[in-house]
N, C-alpha and C. Protein backbone atom coordinates (compact mmCIF):
# COMPACT_ATOMS: atom_id res chain seq x y z
N UNK A 1 -33.49 20.66 38.83
CA UNK A 1 -33.85 19.29 39.09
C UNK A 1 -32.63 18.57 39.66
N UNK A 2 -32.75 17.93 40.82
CA UNK A 2 -31.60 17.26 41.43
C UNK A 2 -31.23 16.00 40.64
N UNK A 3 -29.90 15.68 40.68
CA UNK A 3 -29.44 14.46 40.04
C UNK A 3 -29.94 13.26 40.81
N UNK A 4 -30.22 12.18 40.09
CA UNK A 4 -30.64 10.96 40.78
C UNK A 4 -29.42 10.29 41.38
N UNK A 5 -29.68 9.40 42.30
CA UNK A 5 -28.57 8.71 42.97
C UNK A 5 -27.85 7.77 42.02
N UNK A 6 -28.47 7.47 40.89
CA UNK A 6 -27.81 6.57 39.94
C UNK A 6 -26.85 7.32 39.00
N UNK A 7 -26.79 8.65 39.08
CA UNK A 7 -25.95 9.43 38.17
C UNK A 7 -24.48 9.02 38.22
N UNK A 8 -23.86 8.87 39.44
CA UNK A 8 -22.44 8.48 39.45
C UNK A 8 -22.20 7.15 38.75
N UNK A 9 -23.12 6.20 38.90
CA UNK A 9 -22.95 4.90 38.26
C UNK A 9 -23.07 5.05 36.74
N UNK A 10 -24.08 5.81 36.30
CA UNK A 10 -24.28 6.04 34.87
C UNK A 10 -23.07 6.74 34.27
N UNK A 11 -22.58 7.76 34.93
CA UNK A 11 -21.40 8.50 34.46
C UNK A 11 -20.19 7.59 34.35
N UNK A 12 -20.01 6.73 35.36
CA UNK A 12 -18.88 5.80 35.35
C UNK A 12 -18.97 4.85 34.15
N UNK A 13 -20.18 4.32 33.88
CA UNK A 13 -20.36 3.42 32.75
C UNK A 13 -20.09 4.13 31.43
N UNK A 14 -20.55 5.37 31.32
CA UNK A 14 -20.33 6.16 30.10
C UNK A 14 -18.84 6.43 29.90
N UNK A 15 -18.15 6.81 30.96
CA UNK A 15 -16.71 7.09 30.87
C UNK A 15 -15.94 5.83 30.50
N UNK A 16 -16.34 4.69 31.06
CA UNK A 16 -15.68 3.42 30.73
C UNK A 16 -15.87 3.07 29.26
N UNK A 17 -17.11 3.26 28.76
CA UNK A 17 -17.39 2.97 27.35
C UNK A 17 -16.57 3.87 26.44
N UNK A 18 -16.47 5.16 26.79
CA UNK A 18 -15.68 6.11 25.98
C UNK A 18 -14.21 5.74 25.99
N UNK A 19 -13.71 5.35 27.16
CA UNK A 19 -12.30 4.98 27.27
C UNK A 19 -11.98 3.78 26.39
N UNK A 20 -12.93 2.85 26.28
CA UNK A 20 -12.72 1.68 25.42
C UNK A 20 -12.84 2.06 23.95
N UNK A 21 -13.66 3.06 23.64
CA UNK A 21 -13.92 3.46 22.26
C UNK A 21 -12.78 4.26 21.66
N UNK A 22 -12.11 5.09 22.45
CA UNK A 22 -11.03 5.96 21.95
C UNK A 22 -9.88 5.16 21.36
N UNK A 23 -9.35 4.11 22.03
CA UNK A 23 -8.30 3.33 21.37
C UNK A 23 -8.76 2.68 20.07
N UNK A 24 -10.03 2.28 20.02
CA UNK A 24 -10.54 1.69 18.79
C UNK A 24 -10.53 2.71 17.66
N UNK A 25 -10.89 3.97 17.98
CA UNK A 25 -10.82 5.03 16.97
C UNK A 25 -9.38 5.27 16.54
N UNK A 26 -8.47 5.28 17.49
CA UNK A 26 -7.05 5.49 17.17
C UNK A 26 -6.54 4.38 16.27
N UNK A 27 -6.95 3.14 16.56
CA UNK A 27 -6.52 2.02 15.74
C UNK A 27 -7.07 2.15 14.33
N UNK A 28 -8.33 2.57 14.21
CA UNK A 28 -8.92 2.74 12.89
C UNK A 28 -8.24 3.84 12.12
N UNK A 29 -7.87 4.94 12.82
CA UNK A 29 -7.22 6.06 12.16
C UNK A 29 -5.83 5.69 11.69
N UNK A 30 -5.19 4.71 12.34
CA UNK A 30 -3.83 4.35 11.98
C UNK A 30 -3.78 3.11 11.09
N UNK A 31 -4.94 2.72 10.51
CA UNK A 31 -4.94 1.56 9.62
C UNK A 31 -4.04 1.78 8.42
N UNK A 32 -3.86 3.03 8.01
CA UNK A 32 -2.89 3.39 6.98
C UNK A 32 -2.02 4.51 7.55
N UNK A 33 -0.95 4.82 6.83
CA UNK A 33 -0.12 5.96 7.20
C UNK A 33 -0.56 7.23 6.47
N UNK A 34 -1.68 7.17 5.79
CA UNK A 34 -2.15 8.34 5.05
C UNK A 34 -2.72 9.38 6.01
N UNK A 35 -2.49 10.63 5.69
CA UNK A 35 -2.98 11.73 6.51
C UNK A 35 -4.43 12.05 6.15
N UNK A 36 -5.05 12.89 6.98
CA UNK A 36 -6.48 13.17 6.82
C UNK A 36 -6.82 13.73 5.44
N UNK A 37 -5.91 14.48 4.84
CA UNK A 37 -6.19 15.09 3.53
C UNK A 37 -5.65 14.26 2.37
N UNK A 38 -5.32 12.99 2.61
CA UNK A 38 -4.78 12.11 1.57
C UNK A 38 -5.70 10.91 1.35
N UNK A 39 -5.55 10.31 0.18
CA UNK A 39 -6.29 9.09 -0.14
C UNK A 39 -5.31 7.92 -0.16
N UNK A 40 -5.71 6.77 0.40
CA UNK A 40 -4.85 5.59 0.30
C UNK A 40 -5.02 4.91 -1.06
N UNK A 41 -3.92 4.77 -1.80
CA UNK A 41 -3.95 4.10 -3.09
C UNK A 41 -3.43 2.67 -2.99
N UNK A 42 -2.77 2.37 -1.89
CA UNK A 42 -2.32 1.02 -1.56
C UNK A 42 -1.93 1.06 -0.09
N UNK A 43 -2.31 0.06 0.68
CA UNK A 43 -1.91 0.01 2.09
C UNK A 43 -2.18 -1.38 2.65
N UNK A 44 -1.21 -1.91 3.38
CA UNK A 44 -1.41 -3.20 4.03
C UNK A 44 -0.37 -3.37 5.13
N UNK A 45 -0.58 -4.37 5.95
CA UNK A 45 0.43 -4.77 6.92
C UNK A 45 1.31 -5.80 6.23
N UNK A 46 2.57 -5.46 6.04
CA UNK A 46 3.54 -6.35 5.39
C UNK A 46 4.56 -6.75 6.45
N UNK A 47 4.59 -8.01 6.81
CA UNK A 47 5.40 -8.42 7.95
C UNK A 47 4.72 -7.92 9.21
N UNK A 48 5.40 -7.08 9.96
CA UNK A 48 4.84 -6.53 11.20
C UNK A 48 4.60 -5.04 11.11
N UNK A 49 4.78 -4.46 9.91
CA UNK A 49 4.66 -3.01 9.78
C UNK A 49 3.72 -2.65 8.63
N UNK A 50 3.20 -1.45 8.69
CA UNK A 50 2.26 -0.97 7.68
C UNK A 50 3.00 -0.22 6.58
N UNK A 51 2.65 -0.53 5.34
CA UNK A 51 3.19 0.20 4.20
C UNK A 51 2.02 0.83 3.48
N UNK A 52 2.14 2.12 3.17
CA UNK A 52 1.04 2.86 2.54
C UNK A 52 1.56 3.72 1.41
N UNK A 53 0.76 3.80 0.35
CA UNK A 53 1.01 4.72 -0.76
C UNK A 53 -0.17 5.68 -0.77
N UNK A 54 0.11 6.96 -0.49
CA UNK A 54 -0.95 7.94 -0.24
C UNK A 54 -0.85 9.09 -1.25
N UNK A 55 -2.00 9.62 -1.62
CA UNK A 55 -2.01 10.73 -2.57
C UNK A 55 -2.77 11.93 -2.06
N UNK A 56 -2.19 13.10 -2.26
CA UNK A 56 -2.88 14.36 -1.99
C UNK A 56 -3.45 14.86 -3.29
N UNK A 57 -4.73 15.21 -3.28
CA UNK A 57 -5.42 15.62 -4.50
C UNK A 57 -5.79 17.09 -4.41
N UNK A 58 -5.46 17.83 -5.46
CA UNK A 58 -5.86 19.24 -5.55
C UNK A 58 -6.11 19.58 -7.00
N UNK A 59 -7.06 20.44 -7.24
CA UNK A 59 -7.45 20.86 -8.60
C UNK A 59 -7.75 19.66 -9.48
N UNK A 60 -8.35 18.63 -8.89
CA UNK A 60 -8.76 17.47 -9.65
C UNK A 60 -7.67 16.50 -10.01
N UNK A 61 -6.42 16.74 -9.58
CA UNK A 61 -5.32 15.84 -9.89
C UNK A 61 -4.52 15.49 -8.66
N UNK A 62 -3.66 14.48 -8.78
CA UNK A 62 -2.79 14.07 -7.67
C UNK A 62 -1.59 14.99 -7.64
N UNK A 63 -1.51 15.81 -6.60
CA UNK A 63 -0.43 16.80 -6.50
C UNK A 63 0.79 16.28 -5.74
N UNK A 64 0.59 15.20 -4.97
CA UNK A 64 1.70 14.63 -4.20
C UNK A 64 1.41 13.16 -3.97
N UNK A 65 2.42 12.33 -4.18
CA UNK A 65 2.32 10.89 -3.97
C UNK A 65 3.39 10.50 -2.96
N UNK A 66 2.97 9.85 -1.86
CA UNK A 66 3.88 9.59 -0.75
C UNK A 66 3.83 8.13 -0.32
N UNK A 67 5.01 7.54 -0.16
CA UNK A 67 5.17 6.20 0.40
C UNK A 67 5.58 6.36 1.86
N UNK A 68 4.92 5.62 2.74
CA UNK A 68 5.30 5.62 4.16
C UNK A 68 5.33 4.19 4.67
N UNK A 69 6.29 3.91 5.56
CA UNK A 69 6.47 2.56 6.09
C UNK A 69 6.84 2.65 7.56
N UNK A 70 6.24 1.80 8.36
CA UNK A 70 6.58 1.74 9.78
C UNK A 70 5.42 1.20 10.60
N UNK A 71 5.61 1.20 11.90
CA UNK A 71 4.55 0.78 12.80
C UNK A 71 3.47 1.85 12.85
N UNK A 72 2.23 1.48 13.22
CA UNK A 72 1.16 2.48 13.30
C UNK A 72 1.55 3.67 14.15
N UNK A 73 1.41 4.86 13.57
CA UNK A 73 1.74 6.09 14.28
C UNK A 73 3.22 6.44 14.30
N UNK A 74 4.07 5.60 13.68
CA UNK A 74 5.51 5.86 13.68
C UNK A 74 6.11 5.52 12.32
N UNK A 75 6.24 6.52 11.47
CA UNK A 75 6.78 6.32 10.13
C UNK A 75 8.30 6.21 10.21
N UNK A 76 8.84 5.14 9.64
CA UNK A 76 10.29 4.91 9.66
C UNK A 76 10.95 5.27 8.34
N UNK A 77 10.19 5.21 7.26
CA UNK A 77 10.73 5.55 5.94
C UNK A 77 9.64 6.25 5.14
N UNK A 78 10.00 7.39 4.53
CA UNK A 78 9.04 8.15 3.74
C UNK A 78 9.71 8.62 2.46
N UNK A 79 8.97 8.55 1.37
CA UNK A 79 9.44 9.06 0.08
C UNK A 79 8.26 9.75 -0.57
N UNK A 80 8.46 10.98 -1.02
CA UNK A 80 7.36 11.74 -1.63
C UNK A 80 7.78 12.28 -2.99
N UNK A 81 6.83 12.27 -3.90
CA UNK A 81 7.04 12.86 -5.23
C UNK A 81 5.99 13.94 -5.44
N UNK A 82 6.43 15.08 -5.93
CA UNK A 82 5.53 16.17 -6.26
C UNK A 82 5.86 16.64 -7.67
N UNK A 83 5.03 17.49 -8.21
CA UNK A 83 5.28 17.98 -9.56
C UNK A 83 6.56 18.80 -9.63
N UNK A 84 7.00 19.30 -8.47
CA UNK A 84 8.21 20.12 -8.45
C UNK A 84 9.46 19.33 -8.10
N UNK A 85 9.30 18.04 -7.77
CA UNK A 85 10.46 17.25 -7.34
C UNK A 85 10.67 16.05 -8.24
N UNK A 86 11.89 15.58 -8.25
CA UNK A 86 12.24 14.36 -8.96
C UNK A 86 13.19 13.59 -8.04
N UNK A 87 13.28 12.27 -8.14
CA UNK A 87 12.60 11.41 -9.09
C UNK A 87 11.17 11.10 -8.66
N UNK A 88 10.44 10.50 -9.58
CA UNK A 88 9.06 10.11 -9.32
C UNK A 88 8.97 8.61 -9.10
N UNK A 89 7.78 8.13 -8.88
CA UNK A 89 7.55 6.68 -8.77
C UNK A 89 7.53 6.08 -10.17
N UNK A 90 7.87 4.80 -10.23
CA UNK A 90 7.87 4.05 -11.48
C UNK A 90 6.89 2.88 -11.35
N UNK A 91 6.44 2.37 -12.48
CA UNK A 91 5.49 1.25 -12.47
C UNK A 91 5.66 0.40 -13.71
N UNK A 92 5.29 -0.87 -13.59
CA UNK A 92 5.27 -1.77 -14.73
C UNK A 92 4.33 -2.92 -14.41
N UNK A 93 4.02 -3.71 -15.41
CA UNK A 93 3.23 -4.93 -15.24
C UNK A 93 3.90 -6.03 -16.04
N UNK A 94 3.99 -7.23 -15.44
CA UNK A 94 4.68 -8.34 -16.09
C UNK A 94 3.84 -9.60 -15.98
N UNK A 95 3.83 -10.44 -17.01
CA UNK A 95 3.14 -11.74 -16.90
C UNK A 95 3.98 -12.66 -16.01
N UNK A 96 3.29 -13.41 -15.14
CA UNK A 96 4.00 -14.34 -14.26
C UNK A 96 3.77 -15.78 -14.66
N UNK A 97 2.70 -16.03 -15.34
CA UNK A 97 2.38 -17.35 -15.87
C UNK A 97 1.25 -17.13 -16.87
N UNK A 98 0.81 -18.16 -17.55
CA UNK A 98 -0.29 -17.95 -18.49
C UNK A 98 -1.56 -17.41 -17.83
N UNK A 99 -1.68 -17.56 -16.51
CA UNK A 99 -2.92 -17.13 -15.87
C UNK A 99 -2.70 -16.08 -14.79
N UNK A 100 -1.57 -15.40 -14.78
CA UNK A 100 -1.33 -14.42 -13.73
C UNK A 100 -0.52 -13.24 -14.26
N UNK A 101 -0.68 -12.10 -13.61
CA UNK A 101 0.13 -10.93 -13.93
C UNK A 101 0.55 -10.26 -12.63
N UNK A 102 1.71 -9.63 -12.66
CA UNK A 102 2.24 -8.92 -11.49
C UNK A 102 2.32 -7.44 -11.82
N UNK A 103 1.66 -6.62 -11.00
CA UNK A 103 1.70 -5.16 -11.13
C UNK A 103 2.65 -4.63 -10.08
N UNK A 104 3.47 -3.64 -10.45
CA UNK A 104 4.52 -3.16 -9.56
C UNK A 104 4.59 -1.64 -9.55
N UNK A 105 4.81 -1.08 -8.37
CA UNK A 105 5.06 0.35 -8.20
C UNK A 105 6.25 0.47 -7.25
N UNK A 106 7.22 1.33 -7.60
CA UNK A 106 8.41 1.43 -6.76
C UNK A 106 9.06 2.80 -6.86
N UNK A 107 10.01 2.98 -5.95
CA UNK A 107 10.91 4.13 -6.01
C UNK A 107 12.29 3.63 -5.62
N UNK A 108 13.30 4.35 -6.07
CA UNK A 108 14.69 4.03 -5.73
C UNK A 108 15.23 5.06 -4.77
N UNK A 109 15.94 4.59 -3.76
CA UNK A 109 16.65 5.48 -2.84
C UNK A 109 18.07 4.97 -2.76
N UNK A 110 18.99 5.70 -3.39
CA UNK A 110 20.36 5.22 -3.48
C UNK A 110 20.38 3.93 -4.28
N UNK A 111 21.03 2.90 -3.76
CA UNK A 111 21.11 1.63 -4.46
C UNK A 111 19.97 0.67 -4.09
N UNK A 112 19.01 1.14 -3.31
CA UNK A 112 17.92 0.28 -2.86
C UNK A 112 16.63 0.62 -3.61
N UNK A 113 15.87 -0.41 -3.93
CA UNK A 113 14.58 -0.25 -4.58
C UNK A 113 13.50 -0.79 -3.63
N UNK A 114 12.47 0.03 -3.39
CA UNK A 114 11.34 -0.34 -2.54
C UNK A 114 10.16 -0.58 -3.45
N UNK A 115 9.72 -1.83 -3.53
CA UNK A 115 8.81 -2.29 -4.57
C UNK A 115 7.52 -2.84 -3.97
N UNK A 116 6.41 -2.14 -4.23
CA UNK A 116 5.09 -2.66 -3.90
C UNK A 116 4.63 -3.50 -5.08
N UNK A 117 4.05 -4.66 -4.80
CA UNK A 117 3.65 -5.52 -5.90
C UNK A 117 2.36 -6.27 -5.58
N UNK A 118 1.58 -6.55 -6.62
CA UNK A 118 0.37 -7.34 -6.50
C UNK A 118 0.37 -8.40 -7.58
N UNK A 119 -0.26 -9.52 -7.30
CA UNK A 119 -0.38 -10.60 -8.27
C UNK A 119 -1.86 -10.92 -8.44
N UNK A 120 -2.30 -10.98 -9.68
CA UNK A 120 -3.69 -11.29 -9.99
C UNK A 120 -3.73 -12.46 -10.95
N UNK A 121 -4.54 -13.44 -10.64
CA UNK A 121 -4.68 -14.60 -11.53
C UNK A 121 -4.70 -15.89 -10.76
N UNK A 122 -5.02 -16.96 -11.45
CA UNK A 122 -5.21 -18.25 -10.80
C UNK A 122 -3.97 -18.88 -10.23
N UNK A 123 -2.78 -18.51 -10.70
CA UNK A 123 -1.57 -19.15 -10.22
C UNK A 123 -0.77 -18.30 -9.24
N UNK A 124 -1.37 -17.25 -8.69
CA UNK A 124 -0.67 -16.41 -7.72
C UNK A 124 -0.59 -17.12 -6.37
N UNK A 125 0.61 -17.26 -5.81
CA UNK A 125 0.72 -17.91 -4.50
C UNK A 125 0.23 -17.02 -3.36
N UNK A 126 0.20 -15.71 -3.57
CA UNK A 126 -0.35 -14.75 -2.61
C UNK A 126 -0.69 -13.49 -3.37
N UNK A 127 -1.37 -12.54 -2.70
CA UNK A 127 -1.93 -11.40 -3.42
C UNK A 127 -1.02 -10.19 -3.58
N UNK A 128 -0.26 -9.84 -2.55
CA UNK A 128 0.49 -8.57 -2.60
C UNK A 128 1.62 -8.59 -1.57
N UNK A 129 2.53 -7.61 -1.73
CA UNK A 129 3.62 -7.53 -0.78
C UNK A 129 4.52 -6.34 -1.02
N UNK A 130 5.57 -6.27 -0.21
CA UNK A 130 6.60 -5.24 -0.28
C UNK A 130 7.95 -5.92 -0.35
N UNK A 131 8.69 -5.63 -1.41
CA UNK A 131 10.04 -6.18 -1.57
C UNK A 131 11.07 -5.06 -1.54
N UNK A 132 12.25 -5.40 -1.05
CA UNK A 132 13.38 -4.48 -1.07
C UNK A 132 14.49 -5.16 -1.86
N UNK A 133 14.99 -4.46 -2.89
CA UNK A 133 16.04 -5.01 -3.73
C UNK A 133 17.26 -4.10 -3.69
N UNK A 134 18.40 -4.71 -3.88
CA UNK A 134 19.66 -3.98 -4.04
C UNK A 134 20.26 -4.46 -5.35
N UNK A 135 20.11 -3.66 -6.39
CA UNK A 135 20.43 -4.14 -7.72
C UNK A 135 19.45 -5.24 -8.08
N UNK A 136 19.92 -6.39 -8.51
CA UNK A 136 19.06 -7.52 -8.81
C UNK A 136 18.93 -8.48 -7.63
N UNK A 137 19.53 -8.12 -6.50
CA UNK A 137 19.49 -9.00 -5.33
C UNK A 137 18.26 -8.68 -4.48
N UNK A 138 17.46 -9.71 -4.20
CA UNK A 138 16.28 -9.55 -3.36
C UNK A 138 16.70 -9.63 -1.90
N UNK A 139 16.56 -8.51 -1.17
CA UNK A 139 16.95 -8.48 0.24
C UNK A 139 15.82 -8.94 1.15
N UNK A 140 14.59 -8.57 0.82
CA UNK A 140 13.45 -9.00 1.64
C UNK A 140 12.19 -8.96 0.80
N UNK A 141 11.21 -9.74 1.22
CA UNK A 141 9.91 -9.75 0.55
C UNK A 141 8.86 -10.12 1.59
N UNK A 142 8.12 -9.11 2.04
CA UNK A 142 7.09 -9.33 3.07
C UNK A 142 5.72 -9.37 2.42
N UNK A 143 4.97 -10.41 2.68
CA UNK A 143 3.63 -10.55 2.11
C UNK A 143 2.63 -9.69 2.89
N UNK A 144 1.67 -9.15 2.18
CA UNK A 144 0.59 -8.40 2.82
C UNK A 144 -0.33 -9.37 3.55
N UNK A 145 -0.73 -8.98 4.75
CA UNK A 145 -1.71 -9.76 5.49
C UNK A 145 -3.10 -9.42 5.00
N UNK A 146 -3.96 -10.41 4.97
CA UNK A 146 -5.34 -10.19 4.56
C UNK A 146 -6.14 -9.70 5.76
N UNK A 147 -6.67 -8.49 5.67
CA UNK A 147 -7.58 -8.01 6.70
C UNK A 147 -8.52 -6.97 6.09
N UNK A 148 -9.52 -6.59 6.87
CA UNK A 148 -10.57 -5.71 6.34
C UNK A 148 -10.05 -4.34 5.97
N UNK A 149 -8.95 -3.87 6.61
CA UNK A 149 -8.43 -2.53 6.36
C UNK A 149 -7.45 -2.49 5.18
N UNK A 150 -7.07 -3.64 4.66
CA UNK A 150 -6.04 -3.65 3.62
C UNK A 150 -6.58 -3.09 2.30
N UNK A 151 -5.73 -2.28 1.66
CA UNK A 151 -5.97 -1.83 0.29
C UNK A 151 -4.86 -2.50 -0.52
N UNK A 152 -4.99 -3.82 -0.70
CA UNK A 152 -3.87 -4.59 -1.23
C UNK A 152 -3.95 -4.84 -2.73
N UNK A 153 -4.68 -3.95 -3.41
CA UNK A 153 -4.56 -3.82 -4.86
C UNK A 153 -4.36 -2.33 -5.13
N UNK A 154 -3.74 -1.99 -6.24
CA UNK A 154 -3.52 -0.58 -6.54
C UNK A 154 -4.85 0.06 -6.96
N UNK A 155 -5.15 1.20 -6.35
CA UNK A 155 -6.39 1.90 -6.67
C UNK A 155 -6.39 2.33 -8.13
N UNK A 156 -7.52 2.13 -8.81
CA UNK A 156 -7.63 2.57 -10.20
C UNK A 156 -7.71 4.09 -10.31
N UNK A 157 -7.88 4.78 -9.18
CA UNK A 157 -7.79 6.25 -9.19
C UNK A 157 -6.35 6.70 -9.42
N UNK A 158 -5.40 5.81 -9.11
CA UNK A 158 -3.98 6.10 -9.30
C UNK A 158 -3.48 5.53 -10.63
N UNK A 159 -3.73 4.25 -10.85
CA UNK A 159 -3.19 3.59 -12.04
C UNK A 159 -4.12 2.44 -12.42
N UNK A 160 -4.32 2.27 -13.70
CA UNK A 160 -5.10 1.15 -14.23
C UNK A 160 -4.13 0.22 -14.94
N UNK A 161 -3.87 -0.93 -14.32
CA UNK A 161 -2.95 -1.89 -14.91
C UNK A 161 -3.71 -2.82 -15.86
N UNK A 162 -3.22 -2.89 -17.09
CA UNK A 162 -3.76 -3.84 -18.06
C UNK A 162 -2.89 -5.08 -18.08
N UNK A 163 -2.91 -5.78 -19.20
CA UNK A 163 -2.10 -6.99 -19.34
C UNK A 163 -0.66 -6.68 -19.74
N UNK A 164 -0.41 -5.43 -20.14
CA UNK A 164 0.94 -5.01 -20.53
C UNK A 164 1.09 -3.52 -20.23
N UNK A 165 2.28 -3.00 -20.40
CA UNK A 165 2.47 -1.57 -20.18
C UNK A 165 1.71 -0.75 -21.23
N UNK A 166 1.55 -1.31 -22.43
CA UNK A 166 0.82 -0.60 -23.47
C UNK A 166 -0.65 -0.42 -23.15
N UNK A 167 -1.20 -1.35 -22.37
CA UNK A 167 -2.62 -1.27 -22.02
C UNK A 167 -2.84 -0.76 -20.59
N UNK A 168 -1.78 -0.21 -19.99
CA UNK A 168 -1.88 0.33 -18.64
C UNK A 168 -1.88 1.86 -18.70
N UNK A 169 -2.50 2.49 -17.71
CA UNK A 169 -2.61 3.94 -17.72
C UNK A 169 -2.42 4.50 -16.32
N UNK A 170 -1.50 5.45 -16.18
CA UNK A 170 -1.30 6.17 -14.93
C UNK A 170 -2.15 7.44 -14.97
N UNK A 171 -2.74 7.78 -13.81
CA UNK A 171 -3.57 8.98 -13.72
C UNK A 171 -2.82 10.18 -13.14
N UNK A 172 -1.49 10.07 -13.10
CA UNK A 172 -0.67 11.17 -12.62
C UNK A 172 0.73 11.09 -13.23
N UNK A 173 1.32 12.24 -13.46
CA UNK A 173 2.69 12.27 -13.96
C UNK A 173 3.70 11.88 -12.88
N UNK A 174 3.23 11.74 -11.64
CA UNK A 174 4.10 11.35 -10.54
C UNK A 174 4.39 9.85 -10.55
N UNK A 175 3.70 9.10 -11.41
CA UNK A 175 3.88 7.66 -11.54
C UNK A 175 4.06 7.34 -13.02
N UNK A 176 5.28 6.98 -13.40
CA UNK A 176 5.61 6.75 -14.80
C UNK A 176 5.63 5.24 -15.09
N UNK A 177 4.87 4.84 -16.10
CA UNK A 177 4.80 3.43 -16.49
C UNK A 177 5.81 3.16 -17.59
N UNK A 178 6.52 2.04 -17.48
CA UNK A 178 7.49 1.68 -18.51
C UNK A 178 7.76 0.19 -18.51
N UNK A 179 8.55 -0.26 -19.47
CA UNK A 179 8.94 -1.68 -19.57
C UNK A 179 10.19 -1.90 -18.74
N UNK A 180 10.03 -2.56 -17.61
CA UNK A 180 11.14 -2.84 -16.69
C UNK A 180 11.02 -4.28 -16.22
N UNK A 181 12.11 -4.80 -15.69
CA UNK A 181 12.11 -6.15 -15.12
C UNK A 181 12.64 -6.07 -13.69
N UNK A 182 11.88 -6.63 -12.76
CA UNK A 182 12.26 -6.60 -11.34
C UNK A 182 12.40 -7.99 -10.73
N UNK A 183 12.80 -8.96 -11.52
CA UNK A 183 13.03 -10.32 -11.03
C UNK A 183 11.81 -10.86 -10.29
N UNK A 184 10.65 -10.74 -10.93
CA UNK A 184 9.42 -11.16 -10.25
C UNK A 184 9.36 -12.66 -10.02
N UNK A 185 10.20 -13.43 -10.74
CA UNK A 185 10.19 -14.87 -10.53
C UNK A 185 10.59 -15.22 -9.10
N UNK A 186 11.33 -14.31 -8.44
CA UNK A 186 11.69 -14.55 -7.04
C UNK A 186 10.60 -14.05 -6.09
N UNK A 187 9.78 -13.10 -6.55
CA UNK A 187 8.68 -12.62 -5.72
C UNK A 187 7.51 -13.60 -5.77
N UNK A 188 7.22 -14.09 -6.97
CA UNK A 188 6.09 -15.00 -7.18
C UNK A 188 6.57 -16.20 -7.99
N UNK A 189 7.18 -17.17 -7.35
CA UNK A 189 7.62 -18.36 -8.10
C UNK A 189 6.41 -19.04 -8.75
N UNK A 190 6.55 -19.38 -10.00
CA UNK A 190 5.46 -20.03 -10.72
C UNK A 190 5.32 -21.47 -10.21
N UNK A 191 4.15 -21.83 -9.69
CA UNK A 191 3.98 -23.19 -9.17
C UNK A 191 4.04 -24.22 -10.30
N UNK A 192 4.50 -25.42 -9.96
CA UNK A 192 4.64 -26.48 -10.97
C UNK A 192 3.32 -26.80 -11.62
N UNK A 193 2.21 -26.65 -10.88
CA UNK A 193 0.89 -26.98 -11.44
C UNK A 193 0.48 -26.04 -12.58
N UNK A 194 1.21 -24.92 -12.74
CA UNK A 194 0.87 -23.98 -13.80
C UNK A 194 1.27 -24.53 -15.17
N UNK A 195 2.14 -25.53 -15.16
CA UNK A 195 2.58 -26.11 -16.43
C UNK A 195 1.83 -27.41 -16.70
N UNK A 196 1.35 -27.59 -17.93
CA UNK A 196 0.62 -28.84 -18.25
C UNK A 196 1.57 -30.03 -18.29
């Protein structure tokens, strides 16, 4: 059967539609830095770059937990914890006001601490972010942007944060919960309206 004279036009329209669709797929694939065989447990755009906490699952448990940071498709900083490697990630939860709590997950590299944090409650000035500390000095604190692709709360498949460390539970030995202080008053200043 011969092709109709409209075939070149139809083919051109189809090719144009596909060309527009491929970048959209690439953008969707790069919404996190997690790889195809990993699950995103936290991910958002903080400042101008994406920060992701990704887990590889095998035999029903998290076998590898990886932090990645950078522009889409270009990881600038990576830290991974496995059952065979140390150190692991750390976590804690702290009250920020009578109506808010801050959940934190971090790792240390040399003298620097890379801290993912979320705030839940009525007095939170924003929801989540990424802070970098050097000792007790806050070097930077980038807030997570709100968008449809953000995983800006910690997945309960990784950790269930309660009101204290005693009521919190990690679902992997790669994330250790303990009583720590990370100067959250500088991450989430308590608004004056929180006090009667």
